[in-house]
């Protein structure tokens, strides 16, 4: 699928597929004060019976510092 990449997830503690945020998700992140929401990826790996949804950038697995931040 275009826009996906396998990267390390700090919540899953393993390499999982990540996808770019949708425009709506980017807008939601922008409302929290994030200036560059288009640089974020969200983990789509399985976690607790659902999707993990931990945020990261392409270069930094924990851009918000511990603990990892989840997409609302």
PDB file of N, CA and C in Angstrom:
ATOM      1  N   UNK A   1       0.843  -1.177   0.000  1.00  0.00           N
ATOM      2  CA  UNK A   1       0.000   0.000   0.000  1.00  0.00           C
ATOM      3  C   UNK A   1       0.890   1.242   0.000  1.00  0.00           C
ATOM      4  N   UNK A   2       0.583   2.228  -0.865  1.00  0.00           N
ATOM      5  CA  UNK A   2       1.391   3.447  -0.875  1.00  0.00           C
ATOM      6  C   UNK A   2       1.243   4.203   0.446  1.00  0.00           C
ATOM      7  N   UNK A   3       2.309   4.861   0.848  1.00  0.00           N
ATOM      8  CA  UNK A   3       2.266   5.626   2.080  1.00  0.00           C
ATOM      9  C   UNK A   3       2.436   4.788   3.329  1.00  0.00           C
ATOM     10  N   UNK A   4       2.929   3.558   3.193  1.00  0.00           N
ATOM     11  CA  UNK A   4       3.197   2.738   4.368  1.00  0.00           C
ATOM     12  C   UNK A   4       4.688   2.422   4.435  1.00  0.00           C
ATOM     13  N   UNK A   5       5.155   2.187   5.654  1.00  0.00           N
ATOM     14  CA  UNK A   5       6.565   1.874   5.877  1.00  0.00           C
ATOM     15  C   UNK A   5       6.666   1.045   7.152  1.00  0.00           C
ATOM     16  N   UNK A   6       7.577   0.087   7.172  1.00  0.00           N
ATOM     17  CA  UNK A   6       7.819  -0.703   8.377  1.00  0.00           C
ATOM     18  C   UNK A   6       8.891   0.000   9.202  1.00  0.00           C
ATOM     19  N   UNK A   7       8.523   0.354  10.447  1.00  0.00           N
ATOM     20  CA  UNK A   7       9.433   1.065  11.337  1.00  0.00           C
ATOM     21  C   UNK A   7       9.273   0.534  12.756  1.00  0.00           C
ATOM     22  N   UNK A   8      10.236   0.856  13.607  1.00  0.00           N
ATOM     23  CA  UNK A   8      10.184   0.469  15.012  1.00  0.00           C
ATOM     24  C   UNK A   8       9.075   1.239  15.721  1.00  0.00           C
ATOM     25  N   UNK A   9       8.276   0.532  16.530  1.00  0.00           N
ATOM     26  CA  UNK A   9       7.229   1.156  17.330  1.00  0.00           C
ATOM     27  C   UNK A   9       7.616   1.029  18.803  1.00  0.00           C
ATOM     28  N   UNK A  10       7.578   2.137  19.523  1.00  0.00           N
ATOM     29  CA  UNK A  10       7.959   2.140  20.934  1.00  0.00           C
ATOM     30  C   UNK A  10       6.907   1.483  21.820  1.00  0.00           C
ATOM     31  N   UNK A  11       5.651   1.455  21.396  1.00  0.00           N
ATOM     32  CA  UNK A  11       4.605   0.788  22.179  1.00  0.00           C
ATOM     33  C   UNK A  11       4.612  -0.719  21.933  1.00  0.00           C
ATOM     34  N   UNK A  12       4.738  -1.112  20.667  1.00  0.00           N
ATOM     35  CA  UNK A  12       4.726  -2.534  20.310  1.00  0.00           C
ATOM     36  C   UNK A  12       6.053  -3.218  20.631  1.00  0.00           C
ATOM     37  N   UNK A  13       7.131  -2.436  20.718  1.00  0.00           N
ATOM     38  CA  UNK A  13       8.491  -2.948  20.985  1.00  0.00           C
ATOM     39  C   UNK A  13       8.996  -3.863  19.867  1.00  0.00           C
ATOM     40  N   UNK A  14       8.550  -3.573  18.628  1.00  0.00           N
ATOM     41  CA  UNK A  14       9.020  -4.320  17.453  1.00  0.00           C
ATOM     42  C   UNK A  14       8.740  -3.493  16.197  1.00  0.00           C
ATOM     43  N   UNK A  15       9.251  -3.958  15.078  1.00  0.00           N
ATOM     44  CA  UNK A  15       9.005  -3.281  13.803  1.00  0.00           C
ATOM     45  C   UNK A  15       7.599  -3.635  13.317  1.00  0.00           C
ATOM     46  N   UNK A  16       6.822  -2.611  13.022  1.00  0.00           N
ATOM     47  CA  UNK A  16       5.434  -2.771  12.587  1.00  0.00           C
ATOM     48  C   UNK A  16       5.161  -1.829  11.418  1.00  0.00           C
ATOM     49  N   UNK A  17       4.115  -2.113  10.630  1.00  0.00           N
ATOM     50  CA  UNK A  17       3.763  -1.188   9.552  1.00  0.00           C
ATOM     51  C   UNK A  17       3.222   0.128  10.126  1.00  0.00           C
ATOM     52  N   UNK A  18       3.597   1.208   9.489  1.00  0.00           N
ATOM     53  CA  UNK A  18       3.127   2.547   9.833  1.00  0.00           C
ATOM     54  C   UNK A  18       2.563   3.172   8.560  1.00  0.00           C
ATOM     55  N   UNK A  19       1.597   4.068   8.724  1.00  0.00           N
ATOM     56  CA  UNK A  19       1.039   4.783   7.579  1.00  0.00           C
ATOM     57  C   UNK A  19       1.073   6.280   7.863  1.00  0.00           C
ATOM     58  N   UNK A  20       1.051   7.072   6.788  1.00  0.00           N
ATOM     59  CA  UNK A  20       0.970   8.517   6.925  1.00  0.00           C
ATOM     60  C   UNK A  20      -0.403   8.876   7.470  1.00  0.00           C
ATOM     61  N   UNK A  21      -0.501  10.006   8.136  1.00  0.00           N
ATOM     62  CA  UNK A  21      -1.775  10.465   8.676  1.00  0.00           C
ATOM     63  C   UNK A  21      -2.689  10.966   7.557  1.00  0.00           C
ATOM     64  N   UNK A  22      -3.989  10.764   7.743  1.00  0.00           N
ATOM     65  CA  UNK A  22      -4.963  11.331   6.806  1.00  0.00           C
ATOM     66  C   UNK A  22      -5.036  12.839   7.052  1.00  0.00           C
ATOM     67  N   UNK A  23      -5.669  13.562   6.146  1.00  0.00           N
ATOM     68  CA  UNK A  23      -5.817  15.018   6.304  1.00  0.00           C
ATOM     69  C   UNK A  23      -6.578  15.353   7.583  1.00  0.00           C
ATOM     70  N   UNK A  24      -7.629  14.590   7.899  1.00  0.00           N
ATOM     71  CA  UNK A  24      -8.392  14.830   9.129  1.00  0.00           C
ATOM     72  C   UNK A  24      -7.533  14.596  10.365  1.00  0.00           C
ATOM     73  N   UNK A  25      -6.726  13.537  10.357  1.00  0.00           N
ATOM     74  CA  UNK A  25      -5.846  13.251  11.486  1.00  0.00           C
ATOM     75  C   UNK A  25      -4.789  14.344  11.636  1.00  0.00           C
ATOM     76  N   UNK A  26      -4.283  14.850  10.502  1.00  0.00           N
ATOM     77  CA  UNK A  26      -3.313  15.940  10.537  1.00  0.00           C
ATOM     78  C   UNK A  26      -3.928  17.195  11.141  1.00  0.00           C
ATOM     79  N   UNK A  27      -5.175  17.485  10.783  1.00  0.00           N
ATOM     80  CA  UNK A  27      -5.859  18.656  11.332  1.00  0.00           C
ATOM     81  C   UNK A  27      -6.031  18.522  12.847  1.00  0.00           C
ATOM     82  N   UNK A  28      -6.386  17.328  13.303  1.00  0.00           N
ATOM     83  CA  UNK A  28      -6.527  17.093  14.730  1.00  0.00           C
ATOM     84  C   UNK A  28      -5.221  17.291  15.469  1.00  0.00           C
ATOM     85  N   UNK A  29      -4.125  16.829  14.886  1.00  0.00           N
ATOM     86  CA  UNK A  29      -2.808  16.991  15.504  1.00  0.00           C
ATOM     87  C   UNK A  29      -2.390  18.458  15.485  1.00  0.00           C
ATOM     88  N   UNK A  30      -2.768  19.156  14.431  1.00  0.00           N
ATOM     89  CA  UNK A  30      -2.444  20.578  14.329  1.00  0.00           C
ATOM     90  C   UNK A  30      -3.147  21.381  15.425  1.00  0.00           C
ATOM     91  N   UNK A  31      -4.367  20.963  15.783  1.00  0.00           N
ATOM     92  CA  UNK A  31      -5.109  21.650  16.849  1.00  0.00           C
ATOM     93  C   UNK A  31      -4.428  21.502  18.213  1.00  0.00           C
ATOM     94  N   UNK A  32      -3.561  20.506  18.364  1.00  0.00           N
ATOM     95  CA  UNK A  32      -2.841  20.333  19.631  1.00  0.00           C
ATOM     96  C   UNK A  32      -1.588  21.214  19.687  1.00  0.00           C
ATOM     97  N   UNK A  33      -1.326  21.955  18.603  1.00  0.00           N
ATOM     98  CA  UNK A  33      -0.171  22.848  18.577  1.00  0.00           C
ATOM     99  C   UNK A  33       0.987  22.350  17.737  1.00  0.00           C
ATOM    100  N   UNK A  34       0.856  21.156  17.158  1.00  0.00           N
ATOM    101  CA  UNK A  34       1.934  20.609  16.321  1.00  0.00           C
ATOM    102  C   UNK A  34       2.006  21.413  15.022  1.00  0.00           C
ATOM    103  N   UNK A  35       3.207  21.931  14.701  1.00  0.00           N
ATOM    104  CA  UNK A  35       3.369  22.790  13.532  1.00  0.00           C
ATOM    105  C   UNK A  35       3.543  22.028  12.221  1.00  0.00           C
ATOM    106  N   UNK A  36       3.998  20.776  12.294  1.00  0.00           N
ATOM    107  CA  UNK A  36       4.273  20.005  11.080  1.00  0.00           C
ATOM    108  C   UNK A  36       3.626  18.622  11.152  1.00  0.00           C
ATOM    109  N   UNK A  37       2.307  18.543  11.165  1.00  0.00           N
ATOM    110  CA  UNK A  37       1.640  17.249  11.316  1.00  0.00           C
ATOM    111  C   UNK A  37       1.833  16.320  10.114  1.00  0.00           C
ATOM    112  N   UNK A  38       2.253  16.868   8.973  1.00  0.00           N
ATOM    113  CA  UNK A  38       2.452  16.043   7.783  1.00  0.00           C
ATOM    114  C   UNK A  38       3.709  15.189   7.864  1.00  0.00           C
ATOM    115  N   UNK A  39       4.529  15.377   8.896  1.00  0.00           N
ATOM    116  CA  UNK A  39       5.754  14.580   9.052  1.00  0.00           C
ATOM    117  C   UNK A  39       5.528  13.331   9.900  1.00  0.00           C
ATOM    118  N   UNK A  40       4.301  13.139  10.413  1.00  0.00           N
ATOM    119  CA  UNK A  40       4.042  12.037  11.334  1.00  0.00           C
ATOM    120  C   UNK A  40       3.521  10.784  10.646  1.00  0.00           C
ATOM    121  N   UNK A  41       3.831   9.649  11.274  1.00  0.00           N
ATOM    122  CA  UNK A  41       3.374   8.327  10.870  1.00  0.00           C
ATOM    123  C   UNK A  41       2.652   7.728  12.065  1.00  0.00           C
ATOM    124  N   UNK A  42       1.692   6.839  11.813  1.00  0.00           N
ATOM    125  CA  UNK A  42       0.964   6.176  12.894  1.00  0.00           C
ATOM    126  C   UNK A  42       1.127   4.667  12.731  1.00  0.00           C
ATOM    127  N   UNK A  43       1.375   3.971  13.847  1.00  0.00           N
ATOM    128  CA  UNK A  43       1.552   2.519  13.826  1.00  0.00           C
ATOM    129  C   UNK A  43       0.204   1.843  13.588  1.00  0.00           C
ATOM    130  N   UNK A  44       0.185   0.894  12.689  1.00  0.00           N
ATOM    131  CA  UNK A  44      -1.036   0.142  12.403  1.00  0.00           C
ATOM    132  C   UNK A  44      -0.934  -1.296  12.905  1.00  0.00           C
ATOM    133  N   UNK A  45       0.070  -1.567  13.717  1.00  0.00           N
ATOM    134  CA  UNK A  45       0.256  -2.905  14.271  1.00  0.00           C
ATOM    135  C   UNK A  45      -0.823  -3.255  15.285  1.00  0.00           C
ATOM    136  N   UNK A  46      -1.045  -4.555  15.491  1.00  0.00           N
ATOM    137  CA  UNK A  46      -2.063  -4.978  16.459  1.00  0.00           C
ATOM    138  C   UNK A  46      -1.578  -4.761  17.890  1.00  0.00           C
ATOM    139  N   UNK A  47      -2.453  -4.246  18.742  1.00  0.00           N
ATOM    140  CA  UNK A  47      -2.125  -4.037  20.143  1.00  0.00           C
ATOM    141  C   UNK A  47      -3.417  -4.073  20.941  1.00  0.00           C
ATOM    142  N   UNK A  48      -3.509  -4.982  21.885  1.00  0.00           N
ATOM    143  CA  UNK A  48      -4.683  -5.106  22.757  1.00  0.00           C
ATOM    144  C   UNK A  48      -5.989  -5.236  21.972  1.00  0.00           C
ATOM    145  N   UNK A  49      -5.982  -6.042  20.938  1.00  0.00           N
ATOM    146  CA  UNK A  49      -7.194  -6.297  20.176  1.00  0.00           C
ATOM    147  C   UNK A  49      -7.593  -5.193  19.209  1.00  0.00           C
ATOM    148  N   UNK A  50      -6.777  -4.153  19.067  1.00  0.00           N
ATOM    149  CA  UNK A  50      -7.077  -3.054  18.152  1.00  0.00           C
ATOM    150  C   UNK A  50      -5.818  -2.618  17.444  1.00  0.00           C
ATOM    151  N   UNK A  51      -5.843  -1.429  16.916  1.00  0.00           N
ATOM    152  CA  UNK A  51      -4.696  -0.854  16.237  1.00  0.00           C
ATOM    153  C   UNK A  51      -3.874  -0.053  17.237  1.00  0.00           C
ATOM    154  N   UNK A  52      -2.570  -0.147  17.181  1.00  0.00           N
ATOM    155  CA  UNK A  52      -1.683   0.501  18.146  1.00  0.00           C
ATOM    156  C   UNK A  52      -1.853   2.028  18.153  1.00  0.00           C
ATOM    157  N   UNK A  53      -1.702   2.695  17.004  1.00  0.00           N
ATOM    158  CA  UNK A  53      -1.904   4.135  16.821  1.00  0.00           C
ATOM    159  C   UNK A  53      -0.864   5.015  17.519  1.00  0.00           C
ATOM    160  N   UNK A  54       0.326   4.489  17.776  1.00  0.00           N
ATOM    161  CA  UNK A  54       1.398   5.305  18.338  1.00  0.00           C
ATOM    162  C   UNK A  54       1.983   6.184  17.237  1.00  0.00           C
ATOM    163  N   UNK A  55       2.198   7.460  17.559  1.00  0.00           N
ATOM    164  CA  UNK A  55       2.745   8.423  16.598  1.00  0.00           C
ATOM    165  C   UNK A  55       4.265   8.439  16.637  1.00  0.00           C
ATOM    166  N   UNK A  56       4.852   8.711  15.477  1.00  0.00           N
ATOM    167  CA  UNK A  56       6.290   8.908  15.357  1.00  0.00           C
ATOM    168  C   UNK A  56       6.548   9.709  14.094  1.00  0.00           C
ATOM    169  N   UNK A  57       7.767  10.223  13.948  1.00  0.00           N
ATOM    170  CA  UNK A  57       8.160  10.841  12.685  1.00  0.00           C
ATOM    171  C   UNK A  57       9.007   9.820  11.935  1.00  0.00           C
ATOM    172  N   UNK A  58       9.406  10.157  10.727  1.00  0.00           N
ATOM    173  CA  UNK A  58      10.233   9.242   9.955  1.00  0.00           C
ATOM    174  C   UNK A  58      11.611   9.032  10.549  1.00  0.00           C
ATOM    175  N   UNK A  59      12.076   9.994  11.339  1.00  0.00           N
ATOM    176  CA  UNK A  59      13.429   9.920  11.886  1.00  0.00           C
ATOM    177  C   UNK A  59      13.477   9.658  13.380  1.00  0.00           C
ATOM    178  N   UNK A  60      12.379   9.901  14.095  1.00  0.00           N
ATOM    179  CA  UNK A  60      12.391   9.836  15.552  1.00  0.00           C
ATOM    180  C   UNK A  60      11.238   8.963  16.034  1.00  0.00           C
ATOM    181  N   UNK A  61      11.550   7.875  16.731  1.00  0.00           N
ATOM    182  CA  UNK A  61      10.502   6.964  17.180  1.00  0.00           C
ATOM    183  C   UNK A  61       9.737   7.501  18.385  1.00  0.00           C
ATOM    184  N   UNK A  62      10.296   8.474  19.110  1.00  0.00           N
ATOM    185  CA  UNK A  62       9.579   9.070  20.250  1.00  0.00           C
ATOM    186  C   UNK A  62       9.749  10.593  20.220  1.00  0.00           C
ATOM    187  N   UNK A  63       9.102  11.275  19.257  1.00  0.00           N
ATOM    188  CA  UNK A  63       9.297  12.722  19.134  1.00  0.00           C
ATOM    189  C   UNK A  63       8.731  13.520  20.301  1.00  0.00           C
ATOM    190  N   UNK A  64       7.839  12.939  21.097  1.00  0.00           N
ATOM    191  CA  UNK A  64       7.241  13.645  22.221  1.00  0.00           C
ATOM    192  C   UNK A  64       7.878  13.249  23.545  1.00  0.00           C
ATOM    193  N   UNK A  65       8.852  12.355  23.494  1.00  0.00           N
ATOM    194  CA  UNK A  65       9.486  11.874  24.715  1.00  0.00           C
ATOM    195  C   UNK A  65       8.644  10.821  25.387  1.00  0.00           C
ATOM    196  N   UNK A  66       9.200  10.119  26.389  1.00  0.00           N
ATOM    197  CA  UNK A  66       8.422   9.097  27.065  1.00  0.00           C
ATOM    198  C   UNK A  66       7.275   9.729  27.825  1.00  0.00           C
ATOM    199  N   UNK A  67       6.134   9.131  27.891  1.00  0.00           N
ATOM    200  CA  UNK A  67       5.733   7.917  27.181  1.00  0.00           C
ATOM    201  C   UNK A  67       5.354   8.234  25.737  1.00  0.00           C
ATOM    202  N   UNK A  68       5.273   7.220  24.867  1.00  0.00           N
ATOM    203  CA  UNK A  68       4.885   7.467  23.481  1.00  0.00           C
ATOM    204  C   UNK A  68       3.482   8.071  23.405  1.00  0.00           C
ATOM    205  N   UNK A  69       3.261   8.911  22.427  1.00  0.00           N
ATOM    206  CA  UNK A  69       1.960   9.570  22.255  1.00  0.00           C
ATOM    207  C   UNK A  69       1.122   8.806  21.237  1.00  0.00           C
ATOM    208  N   UNK A  70      -0.147   8.612  21.574  1.00  0.00           N
ATOM    209  CA  UNK A  70      -1.090   7.899  20.705  1.00  0.00           C
ATOM    210  C   UNK A  70      -1.932   8.903  19.917  1.00  0.00           C
ATOM    211  N   UNK A  71      -2.346   8.494  18.737  1.00  0.00           N
ATOM    212  CA  UNK A  71      -3.272   9.286  17.940  1.00  0.00           C
ATOM    213  C   UNK A  71      -4.657   9.142  18.539  1.00  0.00           C
ATOM    214  N   UNK A  72      -5.310  10.244  18.854  1.00  0.00           N
ATOM    215  CA  UNK A  72      -6.640  10.217  19.474  1.00  0.00           C
ATOM    216  C   UNK A  72      -7.713   9.768  18.503  1.00  0.00           C
TER     217      UNK A  72
END
